Amino acid sequence: MTTTEAAALPAAAASSDASPPLQPAGSWPPGPKPGFTGWGLLRHMSKDLLGALRGWQQAHGDLVHLRMWPEHTIVVTDPALVRELLVRHHAALVRWERGIAVFSQLHGHSVLVAEGEAWRAKRHTLQPNFLPKPSAALVPAMAHSAANAMAAWQSGAWPVEQALTTLTMEVIARMVFSSDIAAEASAAAQALHDVSVAANGEFFWPFNPPRWLPSQRAKHRGMAFLDSLVERQIAARLQLARDAWPDDLLARLLALHAADPAAWPLRAVRDECMTTFLAGHETAAATMTWWMWCMAANPQAQQAARAEVVQCLAGRAPSAADIGALPYLNATLQETMRLYPAAPVLITRRATAPLTLGGWQFPARTLFTIPVQLMQHDARWFPEPQAFRPERFGAGAQTAPRGAHMPFGTGPRICLGQHLVMAEMTVIGAMMLQRFELTPLPGMAPPDPVMNVTLRPKAPLTLQLRTLEKAAM
């Protein structure tokens, strides 16, 4: 197959509704020169994935061909084509095997990594636990955990990222295990960080590095800690009489195990608990960390969100009914996720059959990479994309094309816990605004984002907190 030098859509052009002309089979979209093997492109990506993809998009357009022997990878940054790929061509895609191999070291064969019928069965079984109604039912518990946590927050320089990570971990632990893990939350957060840093590097390796390498010690120590935490919760539950089990995700999974041990062995229960516990808190923790920065750096938006909260809640804790009654707060969360998506690049997909996209005929085994952050930072869809403007998501705002903003993904594999995460972030955001004013530390520069599976500040975020008088609430 050959790579055409014909120009694709330039990065500054808008998508067209007209069907593009069909390119000849065997040709590829434009892309950077690969050299002999293309592995230099891979090294470039390993140093700065988002920067590399952004540069290639600007040079070659919204469909970029990366030839890295033995693979052909297509980077897709046109919102319409992304939706076409993930929705229309969903049945012809599986997730990239290397990425799944990295994730499965900790997540096993959970719904996060499963494919085909196994994934459909798991998704169908788990979905009812994450619908809007059961997610809303957890709001009082979320508010209780947030109130307890924030009672210890103090005026002055405060490690908000650490505090939010601990808080969101405690919230999800109550949903999954009905358990208080406050004593272990900090160690669990550090363990997950160590595993995530290692995983991000391993995406660019053809195999998992040997355990005995000194560089692998933190990763395996972190995996052992997280395994122990989850397995201890399962063992403790099994020691209780069935009628003494609390109504939580672990109890529902163990009921599935009791009803059909072959389909739901204890290992499967462990895998789903691990994925829900880790993914369930990480998206909220990462997003709320960036939201805190956005509030501190944009005092007018912070004040407008606080005024809405004061008017709506009048000093009380949020209820389930309040989740949809705080539109400006929701807009600040959406704008934060646009600027700092927790998953800035979706797991790469592989085509299991030939497919046509944007006029190009791609053979089976082609890989497709979807950098969500590049689309959400594209001036075609979001003018002045680096500016924090919650009004982009307000009533009557000019809407970006579908697919340009998708912090939870799209298609059948859209994030299972999106309703739970939005409810949790709304509760935490509202209660923070009731209690504190946020400002940057003196002379503080904007945090540098770093991708270690999810997007976090390069250095743990600390901000200036000022406790508000109750009368101001």
Protein backbone atom coordinates (compact mmCIF):
# COMPACT_ATOMS: atom_id res chain seq x y z
CA MET A 1 0.00 0.00 0.00
CA THR A 2 1.11 3.56 -0.70
CA THR A 3 0.65 6.83 1.16
CA THR A 4 -0.85 9.59 -0.96
CA GLU A 5 0.60 13.07 -0.78
CA ALA A 6 -2.77 14.65 -1.60
CA ALA A 7 -3.86 17.13 1.05
CA ALA A 8 -6.59 16.08 3.48
CA LEU A 9 -8.84 18.58 5.25
CA PRO A 10 -6.55 21.33 6.56
CA ALA A 11 -6.73 21.79 10.29
CA ALA A 12 -8.40 25.19 9.88
CA ALA A 13 -11.17 23.96 7.58
CA ALA A 14 -14.66 23.01 8.66
CA SER A 15 -16.24 19.62 8.06
CA SER A 16 -18.47 19.32 5.02
CA ASP A 17 -21.83 17.59 4.91
CA ALA A 18 -21.13 16.37 1.38
CA SER A 19 -19.76 12.86 1.05
CA PRO A 20 -16.06 13.04 0.21
CA PRO A 21 -14.83 11.34 -2.95
CA LEU A 22 -13.81 7.73 -2.53
CA GLN A 23 -10.05 7.31 -2.50
CA PRO A 24 -8.50 4.31 -4.27
CA ALA A 25 -8.01 1.17 -2.21
CA GLY A 26 -4.43 0.85 -1.04
CA SER A 27 -3.89 4.58 -0.50
CA TRP A 28 -3.57 6.30 2.86
CA PRO A 29 -4.22 9.82 4.18
CA PRO A 30 -1.20 12.14 4.47
CA GLY A 31 1.07 11.98 7.49
CA PRO A 32 4.60 12.55 8.73
CA LYS A 33 7.45 10.78 6.95
CA PRO A 34 8.06 7.54 8.85
CA GLY A 35 11.65 6.82 7.88
CA PHE A 36 12.67 3.18 7.65
CA THR A 37 10.48 1.76 10.45
CA GLY A 38 8.46 4.69 11.77
CA TRP A 39 9.63 3.95 15.28
CA GLY A 40 10.94 7.50 15.52
CA LEU A 41 7.31 8.63 15.41
CA LEU A 42 6.60 6.29 18.30
CA ARG A 43 9.47 7.78 20.32
CA HIS A 44 8.12 11.26 19.61
CA MET A 45 4.70 10.18 20.88
CA SER A 46 6.16 8.58 24.00
CA LYS A 47 7.73 11.91 25.02
CA ASP A 48 4.66 14.11 24.42
CA LEU A 49 1.68 12.25 22.98
CA LEU A 50 -0.73 15.17 22.78
CA GLY A 51 1.91 17.56 21.48
CA ALA A 52 2.94 15.13 18.76
CA LEU A 53 -0.64 14.48 17.66
CA ARG A 54 -1.43 18.20 17.67
CA GLY A 55 1.55 18.98 15.46
CA TRP A 56 0.63 16.28 12.95
CA GLN A 57 -2.98 17.42 12.83
CA GLN A 58 -1.91 20.99 12.09
CA ALA A 59 0.44 19.79 9.35
CA HIS A 60 -1.71 17.11 7.71
CA GLY A 61 -5.40 17.54 8.65
CA ASP A 62 -8.11 15.64 10.47
CA LEU A 63 -7.12 12.18 9.22
CA VAL A 64 -3.42 11.55 9.73
CA HIS A 65 -1.63 8.36 8.73
CA LEU A 66 1.16 7.14 11.03
CA ARG A 67 3.22 4.28 9.60
CA MET A 68 4.96 2.59 12.53
CA TRP A 69 5.99 -0.88 11.45
CA PRO A 70 4.19 -3.24 11.56
CA GLU A 71 1.12 -1.05 12.17
CA HIS A 72 -0.85 1.56 10.26
CA THR A 73 -2.47 4.06 12.65
CA ILE A 74 -5.01 6.74 11.68
CA VAL A 75 -5.42 9.76 13.98
CA VAL A 76 -9.01 11.05 13.70
CA THR A 77 -9.83 14.59 14.86
CA ASP A 78 -12.94 15.45 12.83
CA PRO A 79 -15.96 15.23 15.19
CA ALA A 80 -18.30 13.84 12.53
CA LEU A 81 -15.80 11.16 11.54
CA VAL A 82 -15.15 10.26 15.18
CA ARG A 83 -18.86 9.70 15.75
CA GLU A 84 -19.14 7.74 12.52
CA LEU A 85 -16.25 5.56 13.60
CA LEU A 86 -17.39 4.92 17.18
CA VAL A 87 -21.13 4.63 16.50
CA ARG A 88 -21.68 3.42 12.95
CA HIS A 89 -18.56 1.23 12.79
CA HIS A 90 -18.65 0.11 16.42
CA ALA A 91 -19.24 -3.56 15.54
CA ALA A 92 -16.11 -3.59 13.37
CA LEU A 93 -13.82 -2.29 16.14
CA VAL A 94 -12.03 -3.76 19.13
CA ARG A 95 -9.74 -1.95 21.49
CA TRP A 96 -6.00 -1.98 20.82
CA GLU A 97 -4.52 -5.20 22.16
CA ARG A 98 -1.46 -3.57 23.74
CA GLY A 99 -3.56 -1.05 25.61
CA ILE A 100 -5.83 -3.80 26.90
CA ALA A 101 -2.83 -5.89 27.95
CA VAL A 102 -1.59 -2.95 30.05
CA PHE A 103 -4.98 -2.26 31.65
CA SER A 104 -5.75 -5.91 32.32
CA GLN A 105 -2.78 -6.23 34.67
CA LEU A 106 -4.86 -4.41 37.29
CA HIS A 107 -8.43 -4.58 35.94
CA GLY A 108 -8.45 -8.23 34.93
CA HIS A 109 -11.28 -8.98 32.51
CA SER A 110 -13.73 -6.33 33.70
CA VAL A 111 -16.16 -4.42 31.53
CA LEU A 112 -13.36 -1.91 30.89
CA VAL A 113 -11.31 -4.40 28.90
CA ALA A 114 -13.77 -7.08 27.77
CA GLU A 115 -14.78 -7.39 24.12
CA GLY A 116 -17.58 -8.96 22.10
CA GLU A 117 -20.25 -10.99 23.85
CA ALA A 118 -18.37 -10.93 27.16
CA TRP A 119 -18.45 -7.13 27.13
CA ARG A 120 -22.11 -6.98 26.12
CA ALA A 121 -23.11 -9.34 28.94
CA LYS A 122 -21.14 -7.40 31.55
CA ARG A 123 -22.36 -4.03 30.32
CA HIS A 124 -26.00 -5.21 30.31
CA THR A 125 -25.65 -6.58 33.84
CA LEU A 126 -23.90 -3.55 35.31
CA GLN A 127 -25.80 -0.78 33.50
CA PRO A 128 -28.78 -0.61 35.92
CA ASN A 129 -26.42 0.32 38.77
CA PHE A 130 -25.25 3.46 36.93
CA LEU A 131 -28.45 4.89 35.45
CA PRO A 132 -29.55 8.42 36.47
CA LYS A 133 -32.02 7.27 39.14
CA PRO A 134 -29.66 5.02 41.16
CA SER A 135 -26.90 7.60 40.75
CA ALA A 136 -29.19 10.30 42.14
CA ALA A 137 -30.09 8.03 45.06
CA LEU A 138 -26.46 8.24 46.19
CA VAL A 139 -26.50 12.06 46.47
CA PRO A 140 -27.21 12.14 50.25
CA ALA A 141 -24.25 9.82 50.88
CA MET A 142 -22.08 11.95 48.61
CA ALA A 143 -23.09 15.10 50.48
CA HIS A 144 -22.43 13.43 53.84
CA SER A 145 -18.93 12.37 52.78
CA ALA A 146 -18.18 15.80 51.31
CA ALA A 147 -19.36 17.59 54.48
CA ASN A 148 -17.20 15.37 56.68
CA ALA A 149 -14.16 15.88 54.47
CA MET A 150 -14.55 19.64 54.09
CA ALA A 151 -14.96 20.10 57.83
CA ALA A 152 -11.21 19.42 58.04
CA TRP A 153 -10.24 21.78 55.21
CA GLN A 154 -8.59 24.96 56.46
CA SER A 155 -7.98 28.49 55.27
CA GLY A 156 -4.57 29.12 53.75
CA ALA A 157 -2.52 27.08 51.29
CA TRP A 158 -4.34 23.76 50.98
CA PRO A 159 -3.42 20.62 48.98
CA VAL A 160 -6.71 20.51 47.10
CA GLU A 161 -5.71 17.75 44.68
CA GLN A 162 -4.81 15.39 47.49
CA ALA A 163 -7.97 16.33 49.39
CA LEU A 164 -10.21 15.77 46.36
CA THR A 165 -8.60 12.45 45.48
CA THR A 166 -9.16 11.21 49.02
CA LEU A 167 -12.74 12.49 49.05
CA THR A 168 -13.76 10.97 45.71
CA MET A 169 -12.14 7.68 46.69
CA GLU A 170 -14.15 7.61 49.91
CA VAL A 171 -17.38 8.36 47.99
CA ILE A 172 -16.88 5.52 45.50
CA ALA A 173 -15.79 3.13 48.28
CA ARG A 174 -19.13 3.68 49.99
CA MET A 175 -20.98 2.96 46.75
CA VAL A 176 -19.01 -0.21 45.99
CA PHE A 177 -18.28 -1.56 49.48
CA SER A 178 -20.42 0.49 51.94
CA SER A 179 -17.10 0.90 53.70
CA ASP A 180 -15.08 3.73 55.18
CA ILE A 181 -11.56 3.56 53.70
CA ALA A 182 -10.42 6.96 54.94
CA ALA A 183 -7.42 5.42 56.68
CA GLU A 184 -6.24 3.83 53.42
CA ALA A 185 -7.38 6.43 50.88
CA SER A 186 -4.10 8.35 50.76
CA ALA A 187 -2.04 5.17 50.27
CA ALA A 188 -4.51 3.92 47.65
CA ALA A 189 -4.24 7.20 45.75
CA GLN A 190 -0.43 6.95 45.73
CA ALA A 191 -0.63 3.32 44.60
CA LEU A 192 -2.89 4.23 41.70
CA HIS A 193 -0.59 7.10 40.71
CA ASP A 194 2.42 4.77 40.62
CA VAL A 195 0.52 2.19 38.54
CA SER A 196 -0.79 4.86 36.15
CA VAL A 197 2.65 6.38 35.55
CA ALA A 198 4.01 2.93 34.72
CA ALA A 199 1.04 2.09 32.49
CA ASN A 200 1.42 5.27 30.47
CA GLY A 201 5.00 4.32 29.66
CA GLU A 202 4.14 0.70 28.89
CA PHE A 203 1.73 1.69 26.12
CA PHE A 204 4.85 2.37 24.05
CA TRP A 205 6.52 -0.96 24.90
CA PRO A 206 5.83 -4.13 22.89
CA PHE A 207 5.72 -6.18 26.13
CA ASN A 208 5.33 -5.79 29.88
CA PRO A 209 8.72 -5.07 31.50
CA PRO A 210 10.01 -7.80 33.86
CA ARG A 211 8.94 -7.45 37.47
CA TRP A 212 12.55 -7.61 38.71
CA LEU A 213 13.55 -4.33 37.07
CA PRO A 214 14.07 -1.60 39.70
CA SER A 215 11.81 0.69 37.64
CA GLN A 216 8.93 -1.74 38.20
CA ARG A 217 9.00 -1.80 41.99
CA ALA A 218 6.60 1.10 42.57
CA LYS A 219 4.15 -0.28 40.01
CA HIS A 220 4.00 -3.76 41.49
CA ARG A 221 3.92 -2.44 45.04
CA GLY A 222 0.96 -0.28 44.03
CA MET A 223 -0.83 -3.17 42.30
CA ALA A 224 -0.33 -5.38 45.36
CA PHE A 225 -1.78 -2.70 47.65
CA LEU A 226 -4.87 -2.18 45.48
CA ASP A 227 -5.40 -5.93 45.05
CA SER A 228 -5.22 -6.38 48.81
CA LEU A 229 -7.66 -3.53 49.46
CA VAL A 230 -10.33 -4.94 47.14
CA GLU A 231 -9.82 -8.57 48.08
CA ARG A 232 -10.08 -7.75 51.80
CA GLN A 233 -13.43 -6.07 51.16
CA ILE A 234 -14.72 -9.15 49.35
CA ALA A 235 -13.44 -11.54 52.02
CA ALA A 236 -14.98 -9.48 54.82
CA ARG A 237 -18.35 -9.46 53.05
CA LEU A 238 -18.32 -13.22 52.54
CA GLN A 239 -17.88 -13.68 56.29
CA LEU A 240 -21.22 -11.94 56.91
CA ALA A 241 -24.58 -13.66 56.74
CA ARG A 242 -26.32 -12.94 53.44
CA ASP A 243 -29.15 -11.05 55.11
CA ALA A 244 -26.61 -8.74 56.75
CA TRP A 245 -25.13 -7.54 53.47
CA PRO A 246 -25.62 -3.83 52.75
CA ASP A 247 -27.22 -2.91 49.42
CA ASP A 248 -24.17 -1.93 47.37
CA LEU A 249 -22.39 -2.95 44.19
CA LEU A 250 -20.36 -5.65 45.91
CA ALA A 251 -23.52 -7.29 47.26
CA ARG A 252 -25.12 -7.28 43.81
CA LEU A 253 -22.03 -8.80 42.23
CA LEU A 254 -21.79 -11.47 44.92
CA ALA A 255 -25.46 -12.29 44.32
CA LEU A 256 -24.60 -12.86 40.66
CA HIS A 257 -21.75 -15.12 41.79
CA ALA A 258 -24.08 -17.13 44.03
CA ALA A 259 -26.63 -17.51 41.23
CA ASP A 260 -24.14 -18.47 38.51
CA PRO A 261 -20.58 -19.14 39.73
CA ALA A 262 -19.45 -20.19 36.26
CA ALA A 263 -20.47 -16.89 34.64
CA TRP A 264 -19.54 -14.79 37.68
CA PRO A 265 -16.60 -16.38 39.52
CA LEU A 266 -15.13 -14.49 42.45
CA ARG A 267 -12.36 -13.29 40.16
CA ALA A 268 -14.97 -11.53 37.99
CA VAL A 269 -16.46 -9.94 41.12
CA ARG A 270 -12.99 -8.71 42.05
CA ASP A 271 -12.37 -7.31 38.55
CA GLU A 272 -15.61 -5.30 38.41
CA CYS A 273 -15.06 -3.96 41.93
CA MET A 274 -11.53 -2.91 41.02
CA THR A 275 -12.59 -1.10 37.84
CA THR A 276 -15.53 0.69 39.47
CA PHE A 277 -13.46 1.68 42.50
CA LEU A 278 -10.55 3.05 40.47
CA ALA A 279 -12.27 4.49 37.39
CA GLY A 280 -15.21 5.67 39.49
CA HIS A 281 -13.09 8.01 41.56
CA GLU A 282 -10.33 8.94 39.11
CA THR A 283 -12.51 10.80 36.59
CA ALA A 284 -14.14 12.84 39.35
CA ALA A 285 -10.87 13.51 41.18
CA ALA A 286 -9.01 14.63 38.05
CA THR A 287 -11.87 16.82 36.81
CA MET A 288 -12.54 18.42 40.19
CA THR A 289 -8.84 19.18 40.60
CA TRP A 290 -8.87 21.10 37.32
CA TRP A 291 -12.23 22.68 38.20
CA MET A 292 -10.71 24.03 41.41
CA TRP A 293 -7.94 25.62 39.37
CA CYS A 294 -10.43 27.06 36.86
CA MET A 295 -12.47 28.57 39.69
CA ALA A 296 -9.40 30.05 41.35
CA ALA A 297 -8.08 31.47 38.07
CA ASN A 298 -11.49 32.88 37.02
CA PRO A 299 -12.96 34.69 40.04
CA GLN A 300 -15.95 36.10 38.13
CA ALA A 301 -17.03 32.59 37.10
CA GLN A 302 -16.46 31.40 40.65
CA GLN A 303 -18.65 34.19 42.03
CA ALA A 304 -21.41 33.53 39.49
CA ALA A 305 -21.42 29.82 40.33
CA ARG A 306 -21.49 30.61 44.05
CA ALA A 307 -24.40 33.04 43.63
CA GLU A 308 -26.38 30.32 41.86
CA VAL A 309 -25.61 27.81 44.62
CA VAL A 310 -26.57 30.29 47.34
CA GLN A 311 -29.88 31.08 45.66
CA CYS A 312 -30.74 27.46 44.95
CA LEU A 313 -29.59 25.78 48.17
CA ALA A 314 -29.86 28.58 50.76
CA GLY A 315 -27.13 26.97 52.85
CA ARG A 316 -28.47 23.39 52.88
CA ALA A 317 -26.77 20.34 51.43
CA PRO A 318 -27.59 19.44 47.81
CA SER A 319 -30.33 16.89 47.19
CA ALA A 320 -30.93 14.72 44.14
CA ALA A 321 -33.44 17.28 42.86
CA ASP A 322 -30.75 19.96 42.86
CA ILE A 323 -28.44 18.17 40.41
CA GLY A 324 -30.36 19.54 37.42
CA ALA A 325 -31.16 22.89 39.06
CA LEU A 326 -27.64 24.37 38.93
CA PRO A 327 -27.11 25.09 35.22
CA TYR A 328 -24.22 27.52 35.61
CA LEU A 329 -22.33 25.21 37.95
CA ASN A 330 -22.90 22.43 35.42
CA ALA A 331 -21.55 24.70 32.67
CA THR A 332 -18.37 25.33 34.68
CA LEU A 333 -17.91 21.56 35.01
CA GLN A 334 -18.50 21.01 31.30
CA GLU A 335 -16.05 23.75 30.38
CA THR A 336 -13.48 22.26 32.75
CA MET A 337 -13.89 18.87 31.06
CA ARG A 338 -13.51 20.56 27.68
CA LEU A 339 -10.22 22.16 28.68
CA TYR A 340 -8.93 19.26 30.77
CA PRO A 341 -10.64 15.99 29.77
CA ALA A 342 -9.82 13.25 32.27
CA ALA A 343 -9.21 10.88 29.32
CA PRO A 344 -7.58 13.15 26.71
CA VAL A 345 -7.01 10.24 24.32
CA LEU A 346 -9.46 7.34 24.03
CA ILE A 347 -8.16 3.78 23.98
CA THR A 348 -7.04 3.13 20.41
CA ARG A 349 -9.35 0.91 18.33
CA ARG A 350 -8.45 -1.76 15.78
CA ALA A 351 -10.64 -2.52 12.76
CA THR A 352 -11.60 -6.19 12.54
CA ALA A 353 -12.93 -5.73 8.99
CA PRO A 354 -12.38 -3.24 6.16
CA LEU A 355 -14.20 0.06 6.64
CA THR A 356 -14.55 3.39 4.83
CA LEU A 357 -14.14 6.67 6.70
CA GLY A 358 -13.92 10.15 5.22
CA GLY A 359 -13.61 8.69 1.74
CA TRP A 360 -10.62 6.50 2.63
CA GLN A 361 -10.84 2.72 2.38
CA PHE A 362 -9.05 1.22 5.36
CA PRO A 363 -8.17 -2.48 5.53
CA ALA A 364 -8.81 -4.76 8.47
CA ARG A 365 -6.29 -4.36 11.33
CA THR A 366 -5.96 -0.59 10.84
CA LEU A 367 -5.61 1.21 14.17
CA PHE A 368 -7.57 4.38 14.97
CA THR A 369 -6.50 6.90 17.62
CA ILE A 370 -8.96 9.54 18.87
CA PRO A 371 -7.41 12.48 20.77
CA VAL A 372 -10.45 13.99 22.47
CA GLN A 373 -8.49 16.93 23.81
CA LEU A 374 -7.43 18.06 20.34
CA MET A 375 -11.07 18.27 19.21
CA GLN A 376 -12.09 20.07 22.39
CA HIS A 377 -9.28 22.60 21.90
CA ASP A 378 -10.07 23.19 18.23
CA ALA A 379 -10.84 26.84 17.40
CA ARG A 380 -13.21 25.72 14.65
CA TRP A 381 -15.60 24.39 17.25
CA PHE A 382 -14.62 26.48 20.31
CA PRO A 383 -13.41 30.03 19.54
CA GLU A 384 -10.49 31.08 21.74
CA PRO A 385 -10.22 27.48 22.87
CA GLN A 386 -7.76 28.09 25.72
CA ALA A 387 -10.11 30.57 27.44
CA PHE A 388 -12.36 29.37 30.27
CA ARG A 389 -15.87 30.28 29.15
CA PRO A 390 -18.69 28.38 30.87
CA GLU A 391 -21.23 30.27 28.74
CA ARG A 392 -20.28 27.94 25.87
CA PHE A 393 -22.54 25.42 27.61
CA GLY A 394 -25.29 27.82 28.63
CA ALA A 395 -28.82 28.00 27.27
CA GLY A 396 -28.91 29.57 23.83
CA ALA A 397 -25.17 29.22 23.25
CA GLN A 398 -23.97 28.36 19.78
CA THR A 399 -23.44 24.64 19.86
CA ALA A 400 -20.37 22.84 18.59
CA PRO A 401 -20.92 19.88 16.24
CA ARG A 402 -21.77 16.56 17.86
CA GLY A 403 -18.60 14.76 18.78
CA ALA A 404 -16.54 17.92 19.33
CA HIS A 405 -17.12 17.68 23.10
CA MET A 406 -17.20 14.14 24.48
CA PRO A 407 -15.36 13.90 27.81
CA PHE A 408 -17.07 10.56 28.50
CA GLY A 409 -16.55 9.15 25.01
CA THR A 410 -19.43 8.25 22.70
CA GLY A 411 -21.11 5.24 21.15
CA PRO A 412 -21.95 1.95 22.90
CA ARG A 413 -18.77 2.14 24.99
CA ILE A 414 -19.52 5.57 26.44
CA CYS A 415 -18.43 5.81 30.09
CA LEU A 416 -20.67 3.58 32.19
CA GLY A 417 -20.48 5.88 35.21
CA GLN A 418 -21.08 9.26 33.57
CA HIS A 419 -24.30 9.99 35.51
CA LEU A 420 -22.70 9.00 38.80
CA VAL A 421 -19.64 11.17 38.13
CA MET A 422 -21.71 14.22 37.15
CA ALA A 423 -23.84 13.90 40.28
CA GLU A 424 -20.76 13.55 42.47
CA MET A 425 -18.96 16.52 40.90
CA THR A 426 -22.05 18.72 41.20
CA VAL A 427 -22.42 17.88 44.89
CA ILE A 428 -18.75 18.47 45.68
CA GLY A 429 -18.62 21.68 43.62
CA ALA A 430 -21.74 23.14 45.23
CA MET A 431 -20.59 22.34 48.75
CA MET A 432 -17.13 23.76 48.13
CA LEU A 433 -18.64 27.01 46.84
CA GLN A 434 -20.80 27.22 49.96
CA ARG A 435 -17.79 26.98 52.23
CA PHE A 436 -14.69 28.38 50.54
CA GLU A 437 -13.32 31.00 48.22
CA LEU A 438 -10.48 29.77 45.98
CA THR A 439 -7.54 31.85 44.75
CA PRO A 440 -4.15 30.92 43.26
CA LEU A 441 -1.11 31.08 45.50
CA PRO A 442 0.87 34.34 45.13
CA GLY A 443 2.87 34.31 41.89
CA MET A 444 1.42 30.95 40.90
CA ALA A 445 1.65 29.95 37.22
CA PRO A 446 -1.03 27.81 35.57
CA PRO A 447 -0.41 24.10 36.31
CA ASP A 448 1.23 22.05 33.56
CA PRO A 449 -1.05 19.17 32.49
CA VAL A 450 0.58 15.73 32.33
CA MET A 451 -1.04 12.64 30.89
CA ASN A 452 -0.54 9.47 32.94
CA VAL A 453 -3.56 7.60 31.53
CA THR A 454 -5.67 10.46 32.93
CA LEU A 455 -4.80 14.17 32.84
CA ARG A 456 -3.44 15.61 36.07
CA PRO A 457 -1.29 18.62 37.02
CA LYS A 458 2.44 17.89 36.76
CA ALA A 459 2.89 18.96 40.39
CA PRO A 460 0.18 18.25 42.99
CA LEU A 461 -2.19 21.22 43.01
CA THR A 462 -2.24 23.50 46.04
CA LEU A 463 -4.50 26.58 46.19
CA GLN A 464 -5.34 29.33 48.65
CA LEU A 465 -8.58 28.67 50.55
CA ARG A 466 -10.55 31.27 52.48
CA THR A 467 -13.37 30.04 54.69
CA LEU A 468 -16.60 31.92 54.03
CA GLU A 469 -18.83 33.18 56.79
CA LYS A 470 -22.07 31.27 57.08
CA ALA A 471 -23.94 34.50 56.56
CA ALA A 472 -22.38 34.74 53.11
CA MET A 473 -23.60 31.28 52.27
